Amino acid sequence: MRPILILFLAVACAGCSIQPAIHDRHLFYDYVHSDKADADVSASAEATCKKRNQIPIRTEHVCGPSRCRASFQCVHETNAQELGLLPQPAK
C-alpha cells in the first residue's frame, strides 16, 4: 500500500518542490533524473535534518535512465564523526 501512496503523491505533486517520504530519521526520495533535481534533493535533506538539529548522511543513490532514488538518514554530527561517516579533513 505504501508504494502506491508514494507514487500517487509524486504524480499529484509533479510541479511541487521535491519532498521526501519520511520514516523516523530516514528520508526517501524518488525523482526525475537531472542535475537540478539532485541538487534539490540534497538541499531538501539538509533542510529537513537541520530542523532536527542533525545532518543528512546519504545512504542510497541509484539512477536509471530517467528516474533516481535516494535516501538519507538524519544523524547528530558528533555521532557521524564517531562512526567515521564524515569526510576526514585533509592533512
N, C-alpha and C. Protein backbone atom coordinates (compact mmCIF):
# COMPACT_ATOMS: atom_id res chain seq x y z
N MET A 1 0.82 -1.19 0.00
CA MET A 1 0.00 0.00 0.00
C MET A 1 0.86 1.26 0.00
N ARG A 2 1.95 1.27 0.77
CA ARG A 2 2.80 2.46 0.88
C ARG A 2 3.39 2.88 -0.46
N PRO A 3 3.94 1.95 -1.30
CA PRO A 3 4.48 2.39 -2.59
C PRO A 3 3.44 3.06 -3.47
N ILE A 4 2.20 2.59 -3.42
CA ILE A 4 1.14 3.20 -4.22
C ILE A 4 0.88 4.62 -3.74
N LEU A 5 0.86 4.82 -2.43
CA LEU A 5 0.64 6.16 -1.87
C LEU A 5 1.78 7.09 -2.26
N ILE A 6 3.01 6.62 -2.17
CA ILE A 6 4.16 7.45 -2.53
C ILE A 6 4.09 7.83 -4.01
N LEU A 7 3.75 6.86 -4.87
CA LEU A 7 3.63 7.13 -6.30
C LEU A 7 2.52 8.14 -6.55
N PHE A 8 1.39 7.99 -5.89
CA PHE A 8 0.28 8.92 -6.05
C PHE A 8 0.69 10.33 -5.66
N LEU A 9 1.37 10.46 -4.52
CA LEU A 9 1.81 11.79 -4.07
C LEU A 9 2.82 12.39 -5.03
N ALA A 10 3.71 11.56 -5.57
CA ALA A 10 4.71 12.05 -6.52
C ALA A 10 4.04 12.57 -7.78
N VAL A 11 3.05 11.85 -8.29
CA VAL A 11 2.35 12.28 -9.51
C VAL A 11 1.50 13.51 -9.22
N ALA A 12 0.82 13.52 -8.09
CA ALA A 12 -0.05 14.65 -7.75
C ALA A 12 0.75 15.93 -7.54
N CYS A 13 1.99 15.79 -7.14
CA CYS A 13 2.80 16.96 -6.83
C CYS A 13 3.94 17.10 -7.83
N ALA A 14 3.69 16.79 -9.09
CA ALA A 14 4.73 16.82 -10.11
C ALA A 14 5.39 18.19 -10.24
N GLY A 15 4.63 19.26 -10.01
CA GLY A 15 5.20 20.59 -10.13
C GLY A 15 5.72 21.16 -8.82
N CYS A 16 5.57 20.42 -7.74
CA CYS A 16 5.99 20.90 -6.43
C CYS A 16 7.49 20.71 -6.24
N SER A 17 8.01 21.32 -5.20
CA SER A 17 9.40 21.08 -4.85
C SER A 17 9.54 19.63 -4.40
N ILE A 18 10.74 19.12 -4.46
CA ILE A 18 10.99 17.73 -4.10
C ILE A 18 10.82 17.56 -2.61
N GLN A 19 9.98 16.63 -2.22
CA GLN A 19 9.70 16.35 -0.81
C GLN A 19 9.98 14.88 -0.53
N PRO A 20 10.52 14.58 0.63
CA PRO A 20 10.81 13.18 0.95
C PRO A 20 9.62 12.46 1.56
N ALA A 21 9.65 11.16 1.42
CA ALA A 21 8.80 10.31 2.25
C ALA A 21 9.64 10.11 3.51
N ILE A 22 9.07 10.35 4.68
CA ILE A 22 9.84 10.31 5.92
C ILE A 22 9.38 9.15 6.78
N HIS A 23 10.34 8.38 7.25
CA HIS A 23 10.07 7.31 8.20
C HIS A 23 11.12 7.40 9.29
N ASP A 24 10.71 7.87 10.46
CA ASP A 24 11.62 8.08 11.59
C ASP A 24 12.71 9.06 11.18
N ARG A 25 13.97 8.65 11.17
CA ARG A 25 15.08 9.52 10.78
C ARG A 25 15.50 9.31 9.33
N HIS A 26 14.74 8.53 8.58
CA HIS A 26 15.11 8.19 7.21
C HIS A 26 14.25 8.99 6.23
N LEU A 27 14.92 9.54 5.21
CA LEU A 27 14.26 10.32 4.17
C LEU A 27 14.41 9.58 2.85
N PHE A 28 13.32 9.40 2.13
CA PHE A 28 13.34 8.67 0.86
C PHE A 28 12.84 9.58 -0.26
N TYR A 29 13.59 9.62 -1.34
CA TYR A 29 13.26 10.45 -2.50
C TYR A 29 13.18 9.59 -3.75
N ASP A 30 12.19 9.87 -4.59
CA ASP A 30 12.05 9.26 -5.91
C ASP A 30 11.77 10.42 -6.85
N TYR A 31 12.64 10.64 -7.82
CA TYR A 31 12.53 11.86 -8.62
C TYR A 31 13.07 11.66 -10.03
N VAL A 32 12.71 12.59 -10.91
CA VAL A 32 13.18 12.57 -12.29
C VAL A 32 14.66 12.93 -12.31
N HIS A 33 15.43 12.17 -13.06
CA HIS A 33 16.89 12.33 -13.11
C HIS A 33 17.29 13.64 -13.79
N SER A 34 17.97 14.51 -13.04
CA SER A 34 18.56 15.73 -13.59
C SER A 34 19.53 16.28 -12.56
N ASP A 35 20.47 17.09 -13.01
CA ASP A 35 21.42 17.71 -12.09
C ASP A 35 20.70 18.62 -11.09
N LYS A 36 19.71 19.37 -11.58
CA LYS A 36 18.96 20.26 -10.70
C LYS A 36 18.21 19.47 -9.64
N ALA A 37 17.57 18.38 -10.04
CA ALA A 37 16.84 17.57 -9.07
C ALA A 37 17.78 16.97 -8.03
N ASP A 38 18.98 16.54 -8.46
CA ASP A 38 19.97 16.03 -7.50
C ASP A 38 20.30 17.10 -6.46
N ALA A 39 20.51 18.32 -6.91
CA ALA A 39 20.82 19.43 -6.00
C ALA A 39 19.63 19.73 -5.09
N ASP A 40 18.41 19.69 -5.66
CA ASP A 40 17.21 19.95 -4.87
C ASP A 40 17.01 18.89 -3.78
N VAL A 41 17.30 17.63 -4.12
CA VAL A 41 17.17 16.55 -3.15
C VAL A 41 18.16 16.75 -2.00
N SER A 42 19.40 17.07 -2.33
CA SER A 42 20.40 17.31 -1.29
C SER A 42 20.00 18.48 -0.40
N ALA A 43 19.49 19.55 -1.01
CA ALA A 43 19.06 20.72 -0.24
C ALA A 43 17.86 20.38 0.65
N SER A 44 16.94 19.58 0.13
CA SER A 44 15.77 19.17 0.91
C SER A 44 16.19 18.33 2.11
N ALA A 45 17.10 17.39 1.89
CA ALA A 45 17.58 16.55 3.00
C ALA A 45 18.28 17.41 4.05
N GLU A 46 19.09 18.36 3.59
CA GLU A 46 19.79 19.25 4.51
C GLU A 46 18.79 20.05 5.35
N ALA A 47 17.78 20.61 4.71
CA ALA A 47 16.79 21.43 5.42
C ALA A 47 15.95 20.58 6.39
N THR A 48 15.56 19.40 5.96
CA THR A 48 14.74 18.53 6.81
C THR A 48 15.51 18.09 8.05
N CYS A 49 16.77 17.68 7.85
CA CYS A 49 17.58 17.25 9.00
C CYS A 49 17.93 18.43 9.91
N LYS A 50 18.16 19.59 9.31
CA LYS A 50 18.52 20.78 10.10
C LYS A 50 17.42 21.14 11.09
N LYS A 51 16.16 20.91 10.72
CA LYS A 51 15.04 21.17 11.63
C LYS A 51 15.15 20.33 12.89
N ARG A 52 15.86 19.21 12.79
CA ARG A 52 16.05 18.30 13.92
C ARG A 52 17.42 18.49 14.57
N ASN A 53 18.13 19.53 14.16
CA ASN A 53 19.50 19.78 14.63
C ASN A 53 20.41 18.59 14.31
N GLN A 54 20.22 18.04 13.12
CA GLN A 54 21.02 16.91 12.67
C GLN A 54 21.52 17.20 11.26
N ILE A 55 22.38 16.30 10.75
CA ILE A 55 22.89 16.43 9.39
C ILE A 55 22.46 15.20 8.59
N PRO A 56 22.33 15.35 7.26
CA PRO A 56 21.94 14.20 6.45
C PRO A 56 23.16 13.38 6.02
N ILE A 57 23.03 12.07 6.10
CA ILE A 57 24.03 11.15 5.58
C ILE A 57 23.34 10.37 4.47
N ARG A 58 23.88 10.46 3.25
CA ARG A 58 23.27 9.74 2.13
C ARG A 58 23.55 8.26 2.28
N THR A 59 22.49 7.46 2.25
CA THR A 59 22.64 6.02 2.40
C THR A 59 22.38 5.26 1.11
N GLU A 60 21.77 5.92 0.13
CA GLU A 60 21.50 5.29 -1.16
C GLU A 60 21.37 6.37 -2.22
N HIS A 61 21.85 6.06 -3.42
CA HIS A 61 21.65 6.94 -4.58
C HIS A 61 21.80 6.09 -5.83
N VAL A 62 20.68 5.79 -6.46
CA VAL A 62 20.66 4.92 -7.64
C VAL A 62 19.84 5.62 -8.71
N CYS A 63 20.40 5.69 -9.92
CA CYS A 63 19.67 6.31 -11.02
C CYS A 63 19.56 5.35 -12.19
N GLY A 64 18.40 5.37 -12.82
CA GLY A 64 18.17 4.67 -14.07
C GLY A 64 18.21 5.69 -15.19
N PRO A 65 17.73 5.33 -16.37
CA PRO A 65 17.77 6.28 -17.48
C PRO A 65 16.96 7.56 -17.25
N SER A 66 15.86 7.45 -16.50
CA SER A 66 15.02 8.64 -16.34
C SER A 66 14.67 8.98 -14.89
N ARG A 67 14.83 8.06 -13.97
CA ARG A 67 14.44 8.31 -12.58
C ARG A 67 15.58 7.97 -11.64
N CYS A 68 15.57 8.63 -10.48
CA CYS A 68 16.57 8.37 -9.44
C CYS A 68 15.86 8.07 -8.14
N ARG A 69 16.58 7.38 -7.29
CA ARG A 69 16.12 7.08 -5.95
C ARG A 69 17.25 7.38 -5.00
N ALA A 70 16.95 8.12 -3.96
CA ALA A 70 17.97 8.46 -2.97
C ALA A 70 17.37 8.37 -1.58
N SER A 71 18.21 8.02 -0.64
CA SER A 71 17.76 8.02 0.75
C SER A 71 18.86 8.60 1.62
N PHE A 72 18.43 9.22 2.70
CA PHE A 72 19.32 9.85 3.66
C PHE A 72 18.87 9.45 5.05
N GLN A 73 19.80 9.53 5.99
CA GLN A 73 19.47 9.34 7.39
C GLN A 73 19.93 10.58 8.14
N CYS A 74 19.06 11.14 8.96
CA CYS A 74 19.42 12.29 9.77
C CYS A 74 20.13 11.78 11.03
N VAL A 75 21.33 12.31 11.29
CA VAL A 75 22.10 11.90 12.47
C VAL A 75 22.73 13.14 13.09
N HIS A 76 23.05 13.03 14.37
CA HIS A 76 23.77 14.12 15.03
C HIS A 76 25.21 14.12 14.52
N GLU A 77 25.75 15.29 14.30
CA GLU A 77 27.08 15.41 13.72
C GLU A 77 28.15 14.68 14.54
N THR A 78 28.06 14.75 15.86
CA THR A 78 29.06 14.06 16.68
C THR A 78 28.98 12.55 16.48
N ASN A 79 27.79 12.01 16.34
CA ASN A 79 27.64 10.58 16.08
C ASN A 79 28.22 10.21 14.72
N ALA A 80 27.99 11.06 13.73
CA ALA A 80 28.52 10.80 12.39
C ALA A 80 30.05 10.82 12.40
N GLN A 81 30.64 11.74 13.15
CA GLN A 81 32.10 11.79 13.25
C GLN A 81 32.63 10.54 13.94
N GLU A 82 32.01 10.14 15.05
CA GLU A 82 32.45 8.95 15.78
C GLU A 82 32.37 7.69 14.93
N LEU A 83 31.37 7.61 14.06
CA LEU A 83 31.19 6.44 13.20
C LEU A 83 32.01 6.52 11.91
N GLY A 84 32.72 7.64 11.71
CA GLY A 84 33.52 7.80 10.51
C GLY A 84 32.70 8.03 9.24
N LEU A 85 31.53 8.63 9.38
CA LEU A 85 30.66 8.86 8.23
C LEU A 85 30.91 10.19 7.53
N LEU A 86 31.74 11.03 8.11
CA LEU A 86 32.05 12.33 7.51
C LEU A 86 33.42 12.27 6.88
N PRO A 87 33.63 13.04 5.81
CA PRO A 87 34.97 13.09 5.21
C PRO A 87 35.99 13.60 6.21
N GLN A 88 37.15 13.02 6.19
CA GLN A 88 38.22 13.44 7.09
C GLN A 88 38.91 14.69 6.50
N PRO A 89 39.27 15.65 7.35
CA PRO A 89 39.94 16.86 6.85
C PRO A 89 41.31 16.49 6.25
N ALA A 90 41.67 17.20 5.18
CA ALA A 90 42.98 16.98 4.54
C ALA A 90 44.09 17.40 5.49
N LYS A 91 45.17 16.63 5.49
CA LYS A 91 46.31 16.95 6.38
C LYS A 91 47.34 17.76 5.67
